[in-house]
Amino acid sequence: MSGYQYPLRADWSTEEVIAVIDFFTKVEQAYESSVEREEFMKHYRAFKQVVPSMAEEKTLCKEFEESSQYVAFRVVKLAKESAAGVQIKIK
């Protein structure tokens, strides 16, 4: 596991915590190696089920960025702009 904290909320269920951690793990993967676009988007959609509010998404992503130095919005933006089958990698 990484040396930083994932931004989690006490009122989330175990399944919701797992969905959020999985999303941030895919963000890490995009920075550290690469992640397949569809795989990333699947985890992003699951994350959005837990965090439908854009304001809350920004708050969580900012907390994650401050802890990890990884910018989730860069990965989401690149994934949304990429074609199916593409490997997402942040240089």
PDB file of N, CA and C in Angstrom:
ATOM      1  N   MET A   1       0.841  -1.195   0.000  1.00  0.00           N
ATOM      2  CA  MET A   1       0.000   0.000   0.000  1.00  0.00           C
ATOM      3  C   MET A   1       0.874   1.243   0.000  1.00  0.00           C
ATOM      4  N   SER A   2       0.335   2.293  -0.522  1.00  0.00           N
ATOM      5  CA  SER A   2       1.053   3.554  -0.637  1.00  0.00           C
ATOM      6  C   SER A   2       1.300   4.166   0.740  1.00  0.00           C
ATOM      7  N   GLY A   3       2.190   5.136   0.790  1.00  0.00           N
ATOM      8  CA  GLY A   3       2.532   5.777   2.047  1.00  0.00           C
ATOM      9  C   GLY A   3       1.674   6.986   2.348  1.00  0.00           C
ATOM     10  N   TYR A   4       0.479   7.038   1.818  1.00  0.00           N
ATOM     11  CA  TYR A   4      -0.400   8.167   2.060  1.00  0.00           C
ATOM     12  C   TYR A   4      -1.811   7.662   2.311  1.00  0.00           C
ATOM     13  N   GLN A   5      -2.667   8.563   2.721  1.00  0.00           N
ATOM     14  CA  GLN A   5      -4.043   8.228   3.084  1.00  0.00           C
ATOM     15  C   GLN A   5      -4.987   8.449   1.903  1.00  0.00           C
ATOM     16  N   TYR A   6      -5.952   7.558   1.791  1.00  0.00           N
ATOM     17  CA  TYR A   6      -7.036   7.777   0.835  1.00  0.00           C
ATOM     18  C   TYR A   6      -8.106   8.612   1.521  1.00  0.00           C
ATOM     19  N   PRO A   7      -8.725   9.543   0.800  1.00  0.00           N
ATOM     20  CA  PRO A   7      -9.790  10.356   1.407  1.00  0.00           C
ATOM     21  C   PRO A   7     -11.077   9.540   1.513  1.00  0.00           C
ATOM     22  N   LEU A   8     -11.416   9.130   2.712  1.00  0.00           N
ATOM     23  CA  LEU A   8     -12.599   8.309   2.943  1.00  0.00           C
ATOM     24  C   LEU A   8     -13.535   9.010   3.909  1.00  0.00           C
ATOM     25  N   ARG A   9     -14.778   8.588   3.929  1.00  0.00           N
ATOM     26  CA  ARG A   9     -15.783   9.168   4.815  1.00  0.00           C
ATOM     27  C   ARG A   9     -16.360   8.069   5.703  1.00  0.00           C
ATOM     28  N   ALA A  10     -16.568   8.395   6.962  1.00  0.00           N
ATOM     29  CA  ALA A  10     -17.023   7.426   7.962  1.00  0.00           C
ATOM     30  C   ALA A  10     -18.410   6.853   7.664  1.00  0.00           C
ATOM     31  N   ASP A  11     -19.240   7.603   6.940  1.00  0.00           N
ATOM     32  CA  ASP A  11     -20.605   7.146   6.692  1.00  0.00           C
ATOM     33  C   ASP A  11     -20.744   6.269   5.445  1.00  0.00           C
ATOM     34  N   TRP A  12     -19.645   5.958   4.771  1.00  0.00           N
ATOM     35  CA  TRP A  12     -19.709   5.086   3.608  1.00  0.00           C
ATOM     36  C   TRP A  12     -19.765   3.623   4.034  1.00  0.00           C
ATOM     37  N   SER A  13     -20.427   2.821   3.225  1.00  0.00           N
ATOM     38  CA  SER A  13     -20.447   1.371   3.452  1.00  0.00           C
ATOM     39  C   SER A  13     -19.107   0.783   3.016  1.00  0.00           C
ATOM     40  N   THR A  14     -18.875  -0.457   3.379  1.00  0.00           N
ATOM     41  CA  THR A  14     -17.646  -1.149   2.962  1.00  0.00           C
ATOM     42  C   THR A  14     -17.521  -1.144   1.439  1.00  0.00           C
ATOM     43  N   GLU A  15     -18.629  -1.418   0.740  1.00  0.00           N
ATOM     44  CA  GLU A  15     -18.608  -1.451  -0.725  1.00  0.00           C
ATOM     45  C   GLU A  15     -18.255  -0.073  -1.294  1.00  0.00           C
ATOM     46  N   GLU A  16     -18.776   0.969  -0.673  1.00  0.00           N
ATOM     47  CA  GLU A  16     -18.472   2.329  -1.137  1.00  0.00           C
ATOM     48  C   GLU A  16     -17.008   2.669  -0.901  1.00  0.00           C
ATOM     49  N   VAL A  17     -16.474   2.287   0.248  1.00  0.00           N
ATOM     50  CA  VAL A  17     -15.053   2.518   0.537  1.00  0.00           C
ATOM     51  C   VAL A  17     -14.194   1.805  -0.502  1.00  0.00           C
ATOM     52  N   ILE A  18     -14.542   0.572  -0.809  1.00  0.00           N
ATOM     53  CA  ILE A  18     -13.785  -0.198  -1.804  1.00  0.00           C
ATOM     54  C   ILE A  18     -13.842   0.487  -3.173  1.00  0.00           C
ATOM     55  N   ALA A  19     -15.015   0.969  -3.566  1.00  0.00           N
ATOM     56  CA  ALA A  19     -15.157   1.644  -4.870  1.00  0.00           C
ATOM     57  C   ALA A  19     -14.273   2.885  -4.942  1.00  0.00           C
ATOM     58  N   VAL A  20     -14.232   3.659  -3.871  1.00  0.00           N
ATOM     59  CA  VAL A  20     -13.423   4.885  -3.849  1.00  0.00           C
ATOM     60  C   VAL A  20     -11.930   4.537  -3.861  1.00  0.00           C
ATOM     61  N   ILE A  21     -11.521   3.572  -3.050  1.00  0.00           N
ATOM     62  CA  ILE A  21     -10.113   3.161  -3.040  1.00  0.00           C
ATOM     63  C   ILE A  21      -9.706   2.613  -4.407  1.00  0.00           C
ATOM     64  N   ASP A  22     -10.570   1.810  -5.016  1.00  0.00           N
ATOM     65  CA  ASP A  22     -10.263   1.258  -6.347  1.00  0.00           C
ATOM     66  C   ASP A  22     -10.061   2.379  -7.366  1.00  0.00           C
ATOM     67  N   PHE A  23     -10.901   3.407  -7.322  1.00  0.00           N
ATOM     68  CA  PHE A  23     -10.745   4.542  -8.237  1.00  0.00           C
ATOM     69  C   PHE A  23      -9.390   5.218  -8.031  1.00  0.00           C
ATOM     70  N   PHE A  24      -9.056   5.541  -6.798  1.00  0.00           N
ATOM     71  CA  PHE A  24      -7.790   6.219  -6.548  1.00  0.00           C
ATOM     72  C   PHE A  24      -6.591   5.314  -6.869  1.00  0.00           C
ATOM     73  N   THR A  25      -6.755   4.012  -6.721  1.00  0.00           N
ATOM     74  CA  THR A  25      -5.702   3.071  -7.115  1.00  0.00           C
ATOM     75  C   THR A  25      -5.469   3.139  -8.620  1.00  0.00           C
ATOM     76  N   LYS A  26      -6.548   3.291  -9.386  1.00  0.00           N
ATOM     77  CA  LYS A  26      -6.413   3.409 -10.852  1.00  0.00           C
ATOM     78  C   LYS A  26      -5.765   4.737 -11.234  1.00  0.00           C
ATOM     79  N   VAL A  27      -6.037   5.794 -10.471  1.00  0.00           N
ATOM     80  CA  VAL A  27      -5.343   7.072 -10.701  1.00  0.00           C
ATOM     81  C   VAL A  27      -3.847   6.870 -10.491  1.00  0.00           C
ATOM     82  N   GLU A  28      -3.471   6.216  -9.398  1.00  0.00           N
ATOM     83  CA  GLU A  28      -2.056   5.915  -9.134  1.00  0.00           C
ATOM     84  C   GLU A  28      -1.458   5.136 -10.285  1.00  0.00           C
ATOM     85  N   GLN A  29      -2.194   4.131 -10.752  1.00  0.00           N
ATOM     86  CA  GLN A  29      -1.704   3.275 -11.837  1.00  0.00           C
ATOM     87  C   GLN A  29      -1.427   4.088 -13.098  1.00  0.00           C
ATOM     88  N   ALA A  30      -2.279   5.077 -13.383  1.00  0.00           N
ATOM     89  CA  ALA A  30      -2.082   5.923 -14.567  1.00  0.00           C
ATOM     90  C   ALA A  30      -0.780   6.717 -14.465  1.00  0.00           C
ATOM     91  N   TYR A  31      -0.386   7.071 -13.266  1.00  0.00           N
ATOM     92  CA  TYR A  31       0.862   7.809 -13.064  1.00  0.00           C
ATOM     93  C   TYR A  31       2.076   6.876 -13.019  1.00  0.00           C
ATOM     94  N   GLU A  32       1.931   5.726 -12.395  1.00  0.00           N
ATOM     95  CA  GLU A  32       3.075   4.855 -12.135  1.00  0.00           C
ATOM     96  C   GLU A  32       3.375   3.906 -13.282  1.00  0.00           C
ATOM     97  N   SER A  33       2.370   3.538 -14.065  1.00  0.00           N
ATOM     98  CA  SER A  33       2.586   2.672 -15.231  1.00  0.00           C
ATOM     99  C   SER A  33       1.594   3.097 -16.310  1.00  0.00           C
ATOM    100  N   SER A  34       0.478   2.402 -16.413  1.00  0.00           N
ATOM    101  CA  SER A  34      -0.615   2.810 -17.299  1.00  0.00           C
ATOM    102  C   SER A  34      -1.839   2.010 -16.902  1.00  0.00           C
ATOM    103  N   VAL A  35      -2.986   2.493 -17.349  1.00  0.00           N
ATOM    104  CA  VAL A  35      -4.247   1.803 -17.068  1.00  0.00           C
ATOM    105  C   VAL A  35      -5.096   1.838 -18.331  1.00  0.00           C
ATOM    106  N   GLU A  36      -5.759   0.738 -18.603  1.00  0.00           N
ATOM    107  CA  GLU A  36      -6.601   0.655 -19.781  1.00  0.00           C
ATOM    108  C   GLU A  36      -7.812   1.572 -19.585  1.00  0.00           C
ATOM    109  N   ARG A  37      -8.149   2.333 -20.626  1.00  0.00           N
ATOM    110  CA  ARG A  37      -9.196   3.351 -20.518  1.00  0.00           C
ATOM    111  C   ARG A  37     -10.508   2.804 -19.982  1.00  0.00           C
ATOM    112  N   GLU A  38     -10.993   1.686 -20.549  1.00  0.00           N
ATOM    113  CA  GLU A  38     -12.293   1.156 -20.116  1.00  0.00           C
ATOM    114  C   GLU A  38     -12.243   0.733 -18.649  1.00  0.00           C
ATOM    115  N   GLU A  39     -11.131   0.145 -18.239  1.00  0.00           N
ATOM    116  CA  GLU A  39     -10.960  -0.264 -16.841  1.00  0.00           C
ATOM    117  C   GLU A  39     -11.025   0.960 -15.927  1.00  0.00           C
ATOM    118  N   PHE A  40     -10.330   2.024 -16.323  1.00  0.00           N
ATOM    119  CA  PHE A  40     -10.349   3.253 -15.521  1.00  0.00           C
ATOM    120  C   PHE A  40     -11.768   3.829 -15.451  1.00  0.00           C
ATOM    121  N   MET A  41     -12.442   3.907 -16.592  1.00  0.00           N
ATOM    122  CA  MET A  41     -13.779   4.498 -16.620  1.00  0.00           C
ATOM    123  C   MET A  41     -14.778   3.672 -15.812  1.00  0.00           C
ATOM    124  N   LYS A  42     -14.614   2.354 -15.801  1.00  0.00           N
ATOM    125  CA  LYS A  42     -15.479   1.493 -14.986  1.00  0.00           C
ATOM    126  C   LYS A  42     -15.341   1.885 -13.505  1.00  0.00           C
ATOM    127  N   HIS A  43     -14.115   2.086 -13.066  1.00  0.00           N
ATOM    128  CA  HIS A  43     -13.877   2.463 -11.665  1.00  0.00           C
ATOM    129  C   HIS A  43     -14.310   3.903 -11.391  1.00  0.00           C
ATOM    130  N   TYR A  44     -14.173   4.769 -12.390  1.00  0.00           N
ATOM    131  CA  TYR A  44     -14.637   6.151 -12.214  1.00  0.00           C
ATOM    132  C   TYR A  44     -16.163   6.177 -12.070  1.00  0.00           C
ATOM    133  N   ARG A  45     -16.867   5.395 -12.884  1.00  0.00           N
ATOM    134  CA  ARG A  45     -18.333   5.346 -12.779  1.00  0.00           C
ATOM    135  C   ARG A  45     -18.762   4.804 -11.415  1.00  0.00           C
ATOM    136  N   ALA A  46     -18.071   3.802 -10.900  1.00  0.00           N
ATOM    137  CA  ALA A  46     -18.380   3.260  -9.569  1.00  0.00           C
ATOM    138  C   ALA A  46     -18.126   4.322  -8.495  1.00  0.00           C
ATOM    139  N   PHE A  47     -17.035   5.073  -8.652  1.00  0.00           N
ATOM    140  CA  PHE A  47     -16.718   6.180  -7.739  1.00  0.00           C
ATOM    141  C   PHE A  47     -17.838   7.217  -7.761  1.00  0.00           C
ATOM    142  N   LYS A  48     -18.326   7.543  -8.963  1.00  0.00           N
ATOM    143  CA  LYS A  48     -19.399   8.546  -9.097  1.00  0.00           C
ATOM    144  C   LYS A  48     -20.717   8.053  -8.492  1.00  0.00           C
ATOM    145  N   GLN A  49     -20.920   6.749  -8.391  1.00  0.00           N
ATOM    146  CA  GLN A  49     -22.099   6.223  -7.701  1.00  0.00           C
ATOM    147  C   GLN A  49     -22.031   6.561  -6.211  1.00  0.00           C
ATOM    148  N   VAL A  50     -20.826   6.541  -5.665  1.00  0.00           N
ATOM    149  CA  VAL A  50     -20.615   6.859  -4.249  1.00  0.00           C
ATOM    150  C   VAL A  50     -20.607   8.372  -4.042  1.00  0.00           C
ATOM    151  N   VAL A  51     -19.991   9.084  -4.992  1.00  0.00           N
ATOM    152  CA  VAL A  51     -19.781  10.534  -4.881  1.00  0.00           C
ATOM    153  C   VAL A  51     -20.399  11.223  -6.100  1.00  0.00           C
ATOM    154  N   PRO A  52     -21.736  11.319  -6.144  1.00  0.00           N
ATOM    155  CA  PRO A  52     -22.357  11.930  -7.330  1.00  0.00           C
ATOM    156  C   PRO A  52     -22.150  13.443  -7.418  1.00  0.00           C
ATOM    157  N   SER A  53     -21.918  14.090  -6.300  1.00  0.00           N
ATOM    158  CA  SER A  53     -21.749  15.540  -6.269  1.00  0.00           C
ATOM    159  C   SER A  53     -20.385  15.950  -6.812  1.00  0.00           C
ATOM    160  N   MET A  54     -20.382  16.888  -7.762  1.00  0.00           N
ATOM    161  CA  MET A  54     -19.118  17.383  -8.322  1.00  0.00           C
ATOM    162  C   MET A  54     -18.301  18.089  -7.247  1.00  0.00           C
ATOM    163  N   ALA A  55     -18.962  18.812  -6.348  1.00  0.00           N
ATOM    164  CA  ALA A  55     -18.245  19.513  -5.278  1.00  0.00           C
ATOM    165  C   ALA A  55     -17.536  18.522  -4.360  1.00  0.00           C
ATOM    166  N   GLU A  56     -18.218  17.439  -3.997  1.00  0.00           N
ATOM    167  CA  GLU A  56     -17.603  16.418  -3.135  1.00  0.00           C
ATOM    168  C   GLU A  56     -16.479  15.701  -3.885  1.00  0.00           C
ATOM    169  N   GLU A  57     -16.687  15.453  -5.186  1.00  0.00           N
ATOM    170  CA  GLU A  57     -15.627  14.827  -5.993  1.00  0.00           C
ATOM    171  C   GLU A  57     -14.375  15.702  -5.968  1.00  0.00           C
ATOM    172  N   LYS A  58     -14.551  17.008  -6.170  1.00  0.00           N
ATOM    173  CA  LYS A  58     -13.406  17.928  -6.157  1.00  0.00           C
ATOM    174  C   LYS A  58     -12.713  17.922  -4.803  1.00  0.00           C
ATOM    175  N   THR A  59     -13.499  17.900  -3.726  1.00  0.00           N
ATOM    176  CA  THR A  59     -12.925  17.876  -2.378  1.00  0.00           C
ATOM    177  C   THR A  59     -12.097  16.612  -2.165  1.00  0.00           C
ATOM    178  N   LEU A  60     -12.653  15.459  -2.514  1.00  0.00           N
ATOM    179  CA  LEU A  60     -11.940  14.193  -2.329  1.00  0.00           C
ATOM    180  C   LEU A  60     -10.685  14.135  -3.190  1.00  0.00           C
ATOM    181  N   CYS A  61     -10.806  14.558  -4.443  1.00  0.00           N
ATOM    182  CA  CYS A  61      -9.651  14.523  -5.344  1.00  0.00           C
ATOM    183  C   CYS A  61      -8.555  15.472  -4.861  1.00  0.00           C
ATOM    184  N   LYS A  62      -8.934  16.615  -4.310  1.00  0.00           N
ATOM    185  CA  LYS A  62      -7.956  17.566  -3.774  1.00  0.00           C
ATOM    186  C   LYS A  62      -7.249  16.966  -2.560  1.00  0.00           C
ATOM    187  N   GLU A  63      -8.003  16.310  -1.679  1.00  0.00           N
ATOM    188  CA  GLU A  63      -7.397  15.640  -0.520  1.00  0.00           C
ATOM    189  C   GLU A  63      -6.413  14.574  -0.986  1.00  0.00           C
ATOM    190  N   PHE A  64      -6.805  13.801  -1.990  1.00  0.00           N
ATOM    191  CA  PHE A  64      -5.938  12.750  -2.524  1.00  0.00           C
ATOM    192  C   PHE A  64      -4.678  13.363  -3.137  1.00  0.00           C
ATOM    193  N   GLU A  65      -4.851  14.441  -3.886  1.00  0.00           N
ATOM    194  CA  GLU A  65      -3.708  15.116  -4.519  1.00  0.00           C
ATOM    195  C   GLU A  65      -2.731  15.643  -3.469  1.00  0.00           C
ATOM    196  N   GLU A  66      -3.250  16.251  -2.407  1.00  0.00           N
ATOM    197  CA  GLU A  66      -2.384  16.786  -1.359  1.00  0.00           C
ATOM    198  C   GLU A  66      -1.595  15.679  -0.675  1.00  0.00           C
ATOM    199  N   SER A  67      -2.190  14.507  -0.552  1.00  0.00           N
ATOM    200  CA  SER A  67      -1.547  13.381   0.105  1.00  0.00           C
ATOM    201  C   SER A  67      -0.576  12.646  -0.823  1.00  0.00           C
ATOM    202  N   SER A  68      -0.955  12.487  -2.099  1.00  0.00           N
ATOM    203  CA  SER A  68      -0.206  11.624  -3.019  1.00  0.00           C
ATOM    204  C   SER A  68       0.584  12.359  -4.098  1.00  0.00           C
ATOM    205  N   GLN A  69       0.221  13.599  -4.371  1.00  0.00           N
ATOM    206  CA  GLN A  69       0.754  14.375  -5.497  1.00  0.00           C
ATOM    207  C   GLN A  69       0.200  13.943  -6.846  1.00  0.00           C
ATOM    208  N   TYR A  70      -0.769  13.028  -6.860  1.00  0.00           N
ATOM    209  CA  TYR A  70      -1.406  12.584  -8.099  1.00  0.00           C
ATOM    210  C   TYR A  70      -2.684  13.375  -8.327  1.00  0.00           C
ATOM    211  N   VAL A  71      -2.849  13.913  -9.534  1.00  0.00           N
ATOM    212  CA  VAL A  71      -4.002  14.752  -9.859  1.00  0.00           C
ATOM    213  C   VAL A  71      -5.048  13.897 -10.584  1.00  0.00           C
ATOM    214  N   ALA A  72      -6.088  13.515  -9.849  1.00  0.00           N
ATOM    215  CA  ALA A  72      -7.126  12.636 -10.409  1.00  0.00           C
ATOM    216  C   ALA A  72      -7.814  13.260 -11.616  1.00  0.00           C
ATOM    217  N   PHE A  73      -8.056  14.587 -11.568  1.00  0.00           N
ATOM    218  CA  PHE A  73      -8.769  15.236 -12.674  1.00  0.00           C
ATOM    219  C   PHE A  73      -8.001  15.131 -13.986  1.00  0.00           C
ATOM    220  N   ARG A  74      -6.679  15.135 -13.936  1.00  0.00           N
ATOM    221  CA  ARG A  74      -5.891  14.978 -15.173  1.00  0.00           C
ATOM    222  C   ARG A  74      -6.156  13.607 -15.792  1.00  0.00           C
ATOM    223  N   VAL A  75      -6.243  12.582 -14.954  1.00  0.00           N
ATOM    224  CA  VAL A  75      -6.470  11.224 -15.450  1.00  0.00           C
ATOM    225  C   VAL A  75      -7.891  11.095 -15.993  1.00  0.00           C
ATOM    226  N   VAL A  76      -8.869  11.628 -15.265  1.00  0.00           N
ATOM    227  CA  VAL A  76     -10.270  11.578 -15.710  1.00  0.00           C
ATOM    228  C   VAL A  76     -10.419  12.299 -17.045  1.00  0.00           C
ATOM    229  N   LYS A  77      -9.832  13.479 -17.152  1.00  0.00           N
ATOM    230  CA  LYS A  77      -9.920  14.271 -18.392  1.00  0.00           C
ATOM    231  C   LYS A  77      -9.301  13.506 -19.563  1.00  0.00           C
ATOM    232  N   LEU A  78      -8.111  12.951 -19.350  1.00  0.00           N
ATOM    233  CA  LEU A  78      -7.441  12.201 -20.410  1.00  0.00           C
ATOM    234  C   LEU A  78      -8.265  10.979 -20.803  1.00  0.00           C
ATOM    235  N   ALA A  79      -8.820  10.285 -19.824  1.00  0.00           N
ATOM    236  CA  ALA A  79      -9.629   9.095 -20.114  1.00  0.00           C
ATOM    237  C   ALA A  79     -10.869   9.467 -20.922  1.00  0.00           C
ATOM    238  N   LYS A  80     -11.532  10.555 -20.548  1.00  0.00           N
ATOM    239  CA  LYS A  80     -12.741  10.986 -21.268  1.00  0.00           C
ATOM    240  C   LYS A  80     -12.426  11.406 -22.699  1.00  0.00           C
ATOM    241  N   GLU A  81     -11.231  11.936 -22.927  1.00  0.00           N
ATOM    242  CA  GLU A  81     -10.846  12.410 -24.263  1.00  0.00           C
ATOM    243  C   GLU A  81     -10.253  11.307 -25.129  1.00  0.00           C
ATOM    244  N   SER A  82      -9.934  10.150 -24.528  1.00  0.00           N
ATOM    245  CA  SER A  82      -9.263   9.079 -25.249  1.00  0.00           C
ATOM    246  C   SER A  82     -10.262   8.112 -25.882  1.00  0.00           C
ATOM    247  N   ALA A  83      -9.804   7.427 -26.915  1.00  0.00           N
ATOM    248  CA  ALA A  83     -10.623   6.442 -27.595  1.00  0.00           C
ATOM    249  C   ALA A  83     -10.618   5.126 -26.809  1.00  0.00           C
ATOM    250  N   ALA A  84     -11.598   4.293 -27.089  1.00  0.00           N
ATOM    251  CA  ALA A  84     -11.680   2.970 -26.455  1.00  0.00           C
ATOM    252  C   ALA A  84     -10.403   2.179 -26.771  1.00  0.00           C
ATOM    253  N   GLY A  85      -9.952   1.404 -25.802  1.00  0.00           N
ATOM    254  CA  GLY A  85      -8.797   0.536 -25.998  1.00  0.00           C
ATOM    255  C   GLY A  85      -7.462   1.198 -25.741  1.00  0.00           C
ATOM    256  N   VAL A  86      -7.465   2.469 -25.440  1.00  0.00           N
ATOM    257  CA  VAL A  86      -6.220   3.217 -25.216  1.00  0.00           C
ATOM    258  C   VAL A  86      -5.715   2.987 -23.793  1.00  0.00           C
ATOM    259  N   GLN A  87      -4.397   2.937 -23.658  1.00  0.00           N
ATOM    260  CA  GLN A  87      -3.773   2.890 -22.333  1.00  0.00           C
ATOM    261  C   GLN A  87      -3.593   4.329 -21.849  1.00  0.00           C
ATOM    262  N   ILE A  88      -4.075   4.620 -20.660  1.00  0.00           N
ATOM    263  CA  ILE A  88      -3.969   5.957 -20.082  1.00  0.00           C
ATOM    264  C   ILE A  88      -2.683   6.012 -19.258  1.00  0.00           C
ATOM    265  N   LYS A  89      -1.857   7.000 -19.571  1.00  0.00           N
ATOM    266  CA  LYS A  89      -0.606   7.175 -18.836  1.00  0.00           C
ATOM    267  C   LYS A  89      -0.345   8.657 -18.695  1.00  0.00           C
ATOM    268  N   ILE A  90      -0.093   9.091 -17.460  1.00  0.00           N
ATOM    269  CA  ILE A  90       0.273  10.483 -17.191  1.00  0.00           C
ATOM    270  C   ILE A  90       1.778  10.536 -17.070  1.00  0.00           C
ATOM    271  N   LYS A  91       2.389  11.376 -17.871  1.00  0.00           N
ATOM    272  CA  LYS A  91       3.861  11.484 -17.857  1.00  0.00           C
ATOM    273  C   LYS A  91       4.299  12.542 -16.880  1.00  0.00           C
TER     274      LYS A  91
END
